[in-house]
Amino acid sequence: MLRLTLFTDEGDVQVSGCLDAGYPDVEGIRSAMMPLPKGFDWNSGRLKLKAEIEVKGMRYPVPFACADPLNPDGSLTIKQNNG
């Protein structure tokens, strides 16, 4: 399973969850929604996203392939993108 985790600089997990087994698939796109706590400040620069593959109870990091720089722990800093 693919586990996605949103957390802060302090390591506080805001939300975490797994996509159904078998996804992502070689065909199509699988969407996931992760609601944040009410009042969370998007512009704080403190919110990070990490991805892990979970196999038989063990988690292995999945590196992001994107233009934005990754953090030293392999996570991606999330910023509001609305213009």
PDB file of N, CA and C in Angstrom:
ATOM      1  N   MET A   1       0.844  -1.182   0.000  1.00  0.00           N
ATOM      2  CA  MET A   1       0.000   0.000   0.000  1.00  0.00           C
ATOM      3  C   MET A   1       0.883   1.237   0.000  1.00  0.00           C
ATOM      4  N   LEU A   2       0.352   2.292  -0.561  1.00  0.00           N
ATOM      5  CA  LEU A   2       1.035   3.577  -0.538  1.00  0.00           C
ATOM      6  C   LEU A   2       0.457   4.398   0.602  1.00  0.00           C
ATOM      7  N   ARG A   3       1.301   4.795   1.560  1.00  0.00           N
ATOM      8  CA  ARG A   3       0.875   5.622   2.695  1.00  0.00           C
ATOM      9  C   ARG A   3       1.355   7.048   2.460  1.00  0.00           C
ATOM     10  N   LEU A   4       0.439   8.000   2.612  1.00  0.00           N
ATOM     11  CA  LEU A   4       0.747   9.422   2.537  1.00  0.00           C
ATOM     12  C   LEU A   4       0.555  10.025   3.918  1.00  0.00           C
ATOM     13  N   THR A   5       1.511  10.848   4.335  1.00  0.00           N
ATOM     14  CA  THR A   5       1.461  11.456   5.663  1.00  0.00           C
ATOM     15  C   THR A   5       1.763  12.942   5.556  1.00  0.00           C
ATOM     16  N   LEU A   6       0.881  13.766   6.117  1.00  0.00           N
ATOM     17  CA  LEU A   6       1.107  15.202   6.256  1.00  0.00           C
ATOM     18  C   LEU A   6       1.555  15.462   7.688  1.00  0.00           C
ATOM     19  N   PHE A   7       2.664  16.175   7.850  1.00  0.00           N
ATOM     20  CA  PHE A   7       3.169  16.453   9.192  1.00  0.00           C
ATOM     21  C   PHE A   7       3.831  17.818   9.222  1.00  0.00           C
ATOM     22  N   THR A   8       4.074  18.330  10.436  1.00  0.00           N
ATOM     23  CA  THR A   8       4.700  19.645  10.602  1.00  0.00           C
ATOM     24  C   THR A   8       6.191  19.492  10.855  1.00  0.00           C
ATOM     25  N   ASP A   9       6.885  20.631  10.866  1.00  0.00           N
ATOM     26  CA  ASP A   9       8.328  20.633  11.165  1.00  0.00           C
ATOM     27  C   ASP A   9       8.632  19.966  12.500  1.00  0.00           C
ATOM     28  N   GLU A  10       7.708  20.087  13.443  1.00  0.00           N
ATOM     29  CA  GLU A  10       7.909  19.516  14.774  1.00  0.00           C
ATOM     30  C   GLU A  10       7.669  18.011  14.785  1.00  0.00           C
ATOM     31  N   GLY A  11       7.201  17.448  13.665  1.00  0.00           N
ATOM     32  CA  GLY A  11       6.939  16.008  13.595  1.00  0.00           C
ATOM     33  C   GLY A  11       5.527  15.623  13.971  1.00  0.00           C
ATOM     34  N   ASP A  12       4.685  16.616  14.259  1.00  0.00           N
ATOM     35  CA  ASP A  12       3.293  16.331  14.605  1.00  0.00           C
ATOM     36  C   ASP A  12       2.542  15.888  13.355  1.00  0.00           C
ATOM     37  N   VAL A  13       1.991  14.689  13.386  1.00  0.00           N
ATOM     38  CA  VAL A  13       1.231  14.179  12.248  1.00  0.00           C
ATOM     39  C   VAL A  13      -0.137  14.848  12.244  1.00  0.00           C
ATOM     40  N   GLN A  14      -0.470  15.482  11.125  1.00  0.00           N
ATOM     41  CA  GLN A  14      -1.766  16.130  10.978  1.00  0.00           C
ATOM     42  C   GLN A  14      -2.791  15.140  10.444  1.00  0.00           C
ATOM     43  N   VAL A  15      -2.387  14.350   9.451  1.00  0.00           N
ATOM     44  CA  VAL A  15      -3.270  13.338   8.879  1.00  0.00           C
ATOM     45  C   VAL A  15      -2.413  12.338   8.105  1.00  0.00           C
ATOM     46  N   SER A  16      -2.854  11.083   8.112  1.00  0.00           N
ATOM     47  CA  SER A  16      -2.135  10.025   7.413  1.00  0.00           C
ATOM     48  C   SER A  16      -3.134   8.987   6.943  1.00  0.00           C
ATOM     49  N   GLY A  17      -2.842   8.375   5.801  1.00  0.00           N
ATOM     50  CA  GLY A  17      -3.736   7.345   5.301  1.00  0.00           C
ATOM     51  C   GLY A  17      -3.118   6.596   4.140  1.00  0.00           C
ATOM     52  N   CYS A  18      -3.739   5.483   3.787  1.00  0.00           N
ATOM     53  CA  CYS A  18      -3.235   4.627   2.716  1.00  0.00           C
ATOM     54  C   CYS A  18      -4.218   4.594   1.556  1.00  0.00           C
ATOM     55  N   LEU A  19      -3.662   4.485   0.361  1.00  0.00           N
ATOM     56  CA  LEU A  19      -4.486   4.205  -0.805  1.00  0.00           C
ATOM     57  C   LEU A  19      -4.783   2.717  -0.808  1.00  0.00           C
ATOM     58  N   ASP A  20      -5.876   2.351  -1.431  1.00  0.00           N
ATOM     59  CA  ASP A  20      -6.243   0.941  -1.506  1.00  0.00           C
ATOM     60  C   ASP A  20      -5.108   0.123  -2.101  1.00  0.00           C
ATOM     61  N   ALA A  21      -4.964  -1.106  -1.649  1.00  0.00           N
ATOM     62  CA  ALA A  21      -3.949  -1.997  -2.203  1.00  0.00           C
ATOM     63  C   ALA A  21      -4.171  -2.129  -3.706  1.00  0.00           C
ATOM     64  N   GLY A  22      -3.090  -2.119  -4.455  1.00  0.00           N
ATOM     65  CA  GLY A  22      -3.188  -2.208  -5.903  1.00  0.00           C
ATOM     66  C   GLY A  22      -3.112  -0.862  -6.590  1.00  0.00           C
ATOM     67  N   TYR A  23      -3.153   0.230  -5.807  1.00  0.00           N
ATOM     68  CA  TYR A  23      -3.022   1.567  -6.364  1.00  0.00           C
ATOM     69  C   TYR A  23      -1.751   2.178  -5.816  1.00  0.00           C
ATOM     70  N   PRO A  24      -1.050   3.045  -6.508  1.00  0.00           N
ATOM     71  CA  PRO A  24      -1.403   3.495  -7.837  1.00  0.00           C
ATOM     72  C   PRO A  24      -1.289   2.380  -8.871  1.00  0.00           C
ATOM     73  N   ASP A  25      -2.108   2.487  -9.879  1.00  0.00           N
ATOM     74  CA  ASP A  25      -2.187   1.495 -10.940  1.00  0.00           C
ATOM     75  C   ASP A  25      -1.409   2.000 -12.152  1.00  0.00           C
ATOM     76  N   VAL A  26      -1.075   1.113 -13.055  1.00  0.00           N
ATOM     77  CA  VAL A  26      -0.371   1.526 -14.266  1.00  0.00           C
ATOM     78  C   VAL A  26      -1.285   2.308 -15.205  1.00  0.00           C
ATOM     79  N   GLU A  27      -2.584   2.212 -15.000  1.00  0.00           N
ATOM     80  CA  GLU A  27      -3.547   2.949 -15.811  1.00  0.00           C
ATOM     81  C   GLU A  27      -4.364   3.871 -14.914  1.00  0.00           C
ATOM     82  N   GLY A  28      -4.597   5.064 -15.395  1.00  0.00           N
ATOM     83  CA  GLY A  28      -5.468   5.981 -14.671  1.00  0.00           C
ATOM     84  C   GLY A  28      -4.768   6.676 -13.514  1.00  0.00           C
ATOM     85  N   ILE A  29      -5.554   7.432 -12.784  1.00  0.00           N
ATOM     86  CA  ILE A  29      -5.053   8.226 -11.660  1.00  0.00           C
ATOM     87  C   ILE A  29      -5.908   7.926 -10.440  1.00  0.00           C
ATOM     88  N   ARG A  30      -5.278   7.831  -9.297  1.00  0.00           N
ATOM     89  CA  ARG A  30      -5.977   7.614  -8.031  1.00  0.00           C
ATOM     90  C   ARG A  30      -5.872   8.903  -7.226  1.00  0.00           C
ATOM     91  N   SER A  31      -6.999   9.460  -6.841  1.00  0.00           N
ATOM     92  CA  SER A  31      -7.018  10.700  -6.068  1.00  0.00           C
ATOM     93  C   SER A  31      -7.137  10.395  -4.589  1.00  0.00           C
ATOM     94  N   ALA A  32      -6.583  11.287  -3.780  1.00  0.00           N
ATOM     95  CA  ALA A  32      -6.704  11.173  -2.325  1.00  0.00           C
ATOM     96  C   ALA A  32      -6.988  12.561  -1.769  1.00  0.00           C
ATOM     97  N   MET A  33      -7.828  12.627  -0.750  1.00  0.00           N
ATOM     98  CA  MET A  33      -8.129  13.896  -0.102  1.00  0.00           C
ATOM     99  C   MET A  33      -7.716  13.779   1.360  1.00  0.00           C
ATOM    100  N   MET A  34      -7.017  14.802   1.843  1.00  0.00           N
ATOM    101  CA  MET A  34      -6.540  14.802   3.224  1.00  0.00           C
ATOM    102  C   MET A  34      -6.963  16.116   3.868  1.00  0.00           C
ATOM    103  N   PRO A  35      -8.077  16.126   4.595  1.00  0.00           N
ATOM    104  CA  PRO A  35      -8.523  17.373   5.228  1.00  0.00           C
ATOM    105  C   PRO A  35      -7.571  17.791   6.356  1.00  0.00           C
ATOM    106  N   LEU A  36      -7.294  19.088   6.399  1.00  0.00           N
ATOM    107  CA  LEU A  36      -6.431  19.639   7.445  1.00  0.00           C
ATOM    108  C   LEU A  36      -7.273  20.154   8.601  1.00  0.00           C
ATOM    109  N   PRO A  37      -6.669  20.265   9.781  1.00  0.00           N
ATOM    110  CA  PRO A  37      -7.402  20.830  10.913  1.00  0.00           C
ATOM    111  C   PRO A  37      -7.875  22.250  10.590  1.00  0.00           C
ATOM    112  N   LYS A  38      -9.056  22.587  11.053  1.00  0.00           N
ATOM    113  CA  LYS A  38      -9.618  23.914  10.818  1.00  0.00           C
ATOM    114  C   LYS A  38      -8.664  24.978  11.349  1.00  0.00           C
ATOM    115  N   GLY A  39      -8.441  25.995  10.529  1.00  0.00           N
ATOM    116  CA  GLY A  39      -7.596  27.111  10.939  1.00  0.00           C
ATOM    117  C   GLY A  39      -6.112  26.905  10.696  1.00  0.00           C
ATOM    118  N   PHE A  40      -5.721  25.781  10.064  1.00  0.00           N
ATOM    119  CA  PHE A  40      -4.295  25.553   9.811  1.00  0.00           C
ATOM    120  C   PHE A  40      -3.781  26.596   8.834  1.00  0.00           C
ATOM    121  N   ASP A  41      -2.634  27.190   9.114  1.00  0.00           N
ATOM    122  CA  ASP A  41      -2.059  28.252   8.292  1.00  0.00           C
ATOM    123  C   ASP A  41      -1.241  27.650   7.147  1.00  0.00           C
ATOM    124  N   TRP A  42      -1.794  27.702   5.939  1.00  0.00           N
ATOM    125  CA  TRP A  42      -1.100  27.177   4.755  1.00  0.00           C
ATOM    126  C   TRP A  42       0.239  27.849   4.528  1.00  0.00           C
ATOM    127  N   ASN A  43       0.306  29.133   4.824  1.00  0.00           N
ATOM    128  CA  ASN A  43       1.496  29.907   4.497  1.00  0.00           C
ATOM    129  C   ASN A  43       2.591  29.822   5.550  1.00  0.00           C
ATOM    130  N   SER A  44       2.441  28.943   6.520  1.00  0.00           N
ATOM    131  CA  SER A  44       3.450  28.831   7.578  1.00  0.00           C
ATOM    132  C   SER A  44       4.719  28.161   7.073  1.00  0.00           C
ATOM    133  N   GLY A  45       4.635  27.411   5.973  1.00  0.00           N
ATOM    134  CA  GLY A  45       5.806  26.694   5.455  1.00  0.00           C
ATOM    135  C   GLY A  45       6.193  25.512   6.320  1.00  0.00           C
ATOM    136  N   ARG A  46       5.310  25.115   7.233  1.00  0.00           N
ATOM    137  CA  ARG A  46       5.627  24.044   8.175  1.00  0.00           C
ATOM    138  C   ARG A  46       5.043  22.697   7.772  1.00  0.00           C
ATOM    139  N   LEU A  47       4.179  22.660   6.773  1.00  0.00           N
ATOM    140  CA  LEU A  47       3.493  21.433   6.410  1.00  0.00           C
ATOM    141  C   LEU A  47       4.287  20.654   5.362  1.00  0.00           C
ATOM    142  N   LYS A  48       4.520  19.391   5.640  1.00  0.00           N
ATOM    143  CA  LYS A  48       5.311  18.540   4.743  1.00  0.00           C
ATOM    144  C   LYS A  48       4.527  17.275   4.415  1.00  0.00           C
ATOM    145  N   LEU A  49       4.808  16.721   3.240  1.00  0.00           N
ATOM    146  CA  LEU A  49       4.181  15.495   2.782  1.00  0.00           C
ATOM    147  C   LEU A  49       5.250  14.451   2.522  1.00  0.00           C
ATOM    148  N   LYS A  50       5.025  13.241   3.032  1.00  0.00           N
ATOM    149  CA  LYS A  50       5.937  12.147   2.716  1.00  0.00           C
ATOM    150  C   LYS A  50       5.116  10.964   2.223  1.00  0.00           C
ATOM    151  N   ALA A  51       5.747  10.138   1.398  1.00  0.00           N
ATOM    152  CA  ALA A  51       5.106   8.946   0.859  1.00  0.00           C
ATOM    153  C   ALA A  51       5.954   7.738   1.237  1.00  0.00           C
ATOM    154  N   GLU A  52       5.274   6.658   1.585  1.00  0.00           N
ATOM    155  CA  GLU A  52       5.963   5.417   1.942  1.00  0.00           C
ATOM    156  C   GLU A  52       5.189   4.238   1.367  1.00  0.00           C
ATOM    157  N   ILE A  53       5.906   3.222   0.943  1.00  0.00           N
ATOM    158  CA  ILE A  53       5.288   1.961   0.549  1.00  0.00           C
ATOM    159  C   ILE A  53       5.271   1.087   1.797  1.00  0.00           C
ATOM    160  N   GLU A  54       4.109   0.527   2.095  1.00  0.00           N
ATOM    161  CA  GLU A  54       3.960  -0.327   3.263  1.00  0.00           C
ATOM    162  C   GLU A  54       3.831  -1.778   2.790  1.00  0.00           C
ATOM    163  N   VAL A  55       4.810  -2.615   3.176  1.00  0.00           N
ATOM    164  CA  VAL A  55       4.836  -4.021   2.779  1.00  0.00           C
ATOM    165  C   VAL A  55       5.044  -4.873   4.018  1.00  0.00           C
ATOM    166  N   LYS A  56       4.084  -5.748   4.309  1.00  0.00           N
ATOM    167  CA  LYS A  56       4.169  -6.664   5.450  1.00  0.00           C
ATOM    168  C   LYS A  56       4.528  -5.932   6.746  1.00  0.00           C
ATOM    169  N   GLY A  57       3.883  -4.784   6.970  1.00  0.00           N
ATOM    170  CA  GLY A  57       4.081  -4.034   8.204  1.00  0.00           C
ATOM    171  C   GLY A  57       5.319  -3.153   8.240  1.00  0.00           C
ATOM    172  N   MET A  58       6.155  -3.199   7.217  1.00  0.00           N
ATOM    173  CA  MET A  58       7.352  -2.356   7.145  1.00  0.00           C
ATOM    174  C   MET A  58       7.085  -1.214   6.170  1.00  0.00           C
ATOM    175  N   ARG A  59       7.628  -0.039   6.481  1.00  0.00           N
ATOM    176  CA  ARG A  59       7.460   1.129   5.616  1.00  0.00           C
ATOM    177  C   ARG A  59       8.793   1.510   4.991  1.00  0.00           C
ATOM    178  N   TYR A  60       8.731   1.795   3.683  1.00  0.00           N
ATOM    179  CA  TYR A  60       9.919   2.180   2.928  1.00  0.00           C
ATOM    180  C   TYR A  60       9.641   3.506   2.236  1.00  0.00           C
ATOM    181  N   PRO A  61      10.569   4.480   2.332  1.00  0.00           N
ATOM    182  CA  PRO A  61      10.327   5.798   1.741  1.00  0.00           C
ATOM    183  C   PRO A  61      10.212   5.725   0.220  1.00  0.00           C
ATOM    184  N   VAL A  62       9.342   6.577  -0.319  1.00  0.00           N
ATOM    185  CA  VAL A  62       9.170   6.712  -1.767  1.00  0.00           C
ATOM    186  C   VAL A  62       9.591   8.135  -2.126  1.00  0.00           C
ATOM    187  N   PRO A  63      10.615   8.291  -2.945  1.00  0.00           N
ATOM    188  CA  PRO A  63      11.056   9.642  -3.308  1.00  0.00           C
ATOM    189  C   PRO A  63      10.087  10.285  -4.297  1.00  0.00           C
ATOM    190  N   PHE A  64       9.871  11.586  -4.151  1.00  0.00           N
ATOM    191  CA  PHE A  64       9.040  12.338  -5.081  1.00  0.00           C
ATOM    192  C   PHE A  64       9.870  12.715  -6.299  1.00  0.00           C
ATOM    193  N   ALA A  65       9.268  12.689  -7.466  1.00  0.00           N
ATOM    194  CA  ALA A  65       9.905  13.145  -8.702  1.00  0.00           C
ATOM    195  C   ALA A  65       9.193  14.435  -9.098  1.00  0.00           C
ATOM    196  N   CYS A  66       9.771  15.567  -8.695  1.00  0.00           N
ATOM    197  CA  CYS A  66       9.130  16.850  -8.967  1.00  0.00           C
ATOM    198  C   CYS A  66      10.187  17.937  -9.113  1.00  0.00           C
ATOM    199  N   ALA A  67       9.768  19.094  -9.629  1.00  0.00           N
ATOM    200  CA  ALA A  67      10.684  20.210  -9.837  1.00  0.00           C
ATOM    201  C   ALA A  67      11.049  20.909  -8.526  1.00  0.00           C
ATOM    202  N   ASP A  68      10.156  20.868  -7.543  1.00  0.00           N
ATOM    203  CA  ASP A  68      10.432  21.530  -6.264  1.00  0.00           C
ATOM    204  C   ASP A  68      11.504  20.764  -5.494  1.00  0.00           C
ATOM    205  N   PRO A  69      12.350  21.491  -4.764  1.00  0.00           N
ATOM    206  CA  PRO A  69      13.379  20.803  -3.973  1.00  0.00           C
ATOM    207  C   PRO A  69      12.757  20.007  -2.825  1.00  0.00           C
ATOM    208  N   LEU A  70      13.345  18.851  -2.534  1.00  0.00           N
ATOM    209  CA  LEU A  70      12.889  18.026  -1.418  1.00  0.00           C
ATOM    210  C   LEU A  70      13.642  18.413  -0.155  1.00  0.00           C
ATOM    211  N   ASN A  71      13.055  18.120   0.989  1.00  0.00           N
ATOM    212  CA  ASN A  71      13.706  18.331   2.278  1.00  0.00           C
ATOM    213  C   ASN A  71      14.727  17.213   2.495  1.00  0.00           C
ATOM    214  N   PRO A  72      15.666  17.392   3.417  1.00  0.00           N
ATOM    215  CA  PRO A  72      16.678  16.353   3.666  1.00  0.00           C
ATOM    216  C   PRO A  72      16.095  14.978   4.002  1.00  0.00           C
ATOM    217  N   ASP A  73      14.890  14.950   4.597  1.00  0.00           N
ATOM    218  CA  ASP A  73      14.270  13.657   4.929  1.00  0.00           C
ATOM    219  C   ASP A  73      13.478  13.065   3.763  1.00  0.00           C
ATOM    220  N   GLY A  74      13.514  13.719   2.592  1.00  0.00           N
ATOM    221  CA  GLY A  74      12.811  13.226   1.413  1.00  0.00           C
ATOM    222  C   GLY A  74      11.381  13.712   1.292  1.00  0.00           C
ATOM    223  N   SER A  75      10.919  14.468   2.277  1.00  0.00           N
ATOM    224  CA  SER A  75       9.551  14.989   2.234  1.00  0.00           C
ATOM    225  C   SER A  75       9.492  16.229   1.342  1.00  0.00           C
ATOM    226  N   LEU A  76       8.279  16.631   1.026  1.00  0.00           N
ATOM    227  CA  LEU A  76       8.023  17.786   0.180  1.00  0.00           C
ATOM    228  C   LEU A  76       7.267  18.823   0.997  1.00  0.00           C
ATOM    229  N   THR A  77       7.761  20.060   1.030  1.00  0.00           N
ATOM    230  CA  THR A  77       7.058  21.127   1.745  1.00  0.00           C
ATOM    231  C   THR A  77       5.852  21.549   0.917  1.00  0.00           C
ATOM    232  N   ILE A  78       4.685  21.574   1.540  1.00  0.00           N
ATOM    233  CA  ILE A  78       3.431  21.885   0.868  1.00  0.00           C
ATOM    234  C   ILE A  78       3.118  23.360   1.039  1.00  0.00           C
ATOM    235  N   LYS A  79       2.792  24.001  -0.083  1.00  0.00           N
ATOM    236  CA  LYS A  79       2.427  25.420  -0.072  1.00  0.00           C
ATOM    237  C   LYS A  79       1.112  25.600  -0.801  1.00  0.00           C
ATOM    238  N   GLN A  80       0.363  26.609  -0.424  1.00  0.00           N
ATOM    239  CA  GLN A  80      -0.895  26.908  -1.077  1.00  0.00           C
ATOM    240  C   GLN A  80      -0.603  27.359  -2.506  1.00  0.00           C
ATOM    241  N   ASN A  81      -1.371  26.856  -3.452  1.00  0.00           N
ATOM    242  CA  ASN A  81      -1.132  27.166  -4.856  1.00  0.00           C
ATOM    243  C   ASN A  81      -2.410  27.726  -5.470  1.00  0.00           C
ATOM    244  N   ASN A  82      -2.632  29.004  -5.249  1.00  0.00           N
ATOM    245  CA  ASN A  82      -3.829  29.618  -5.824  1.00  0.00           C
ATOM    246  C   ASN A  82      -3.531  31.003  -6.392  1.00  0.00           C
ATOM    247  N   GLY A  83      -2.437  31.101  -7.086  1.00  0.00           N
ATOM    248  CA  GLY A  83      -2.161  32.338  -7.794  1.00  0.00           C
ATOM    249  C   GLY A  83      -1.158  33.163  -7.125  1.00  0.00           C
TER     250      GLY A  83
END
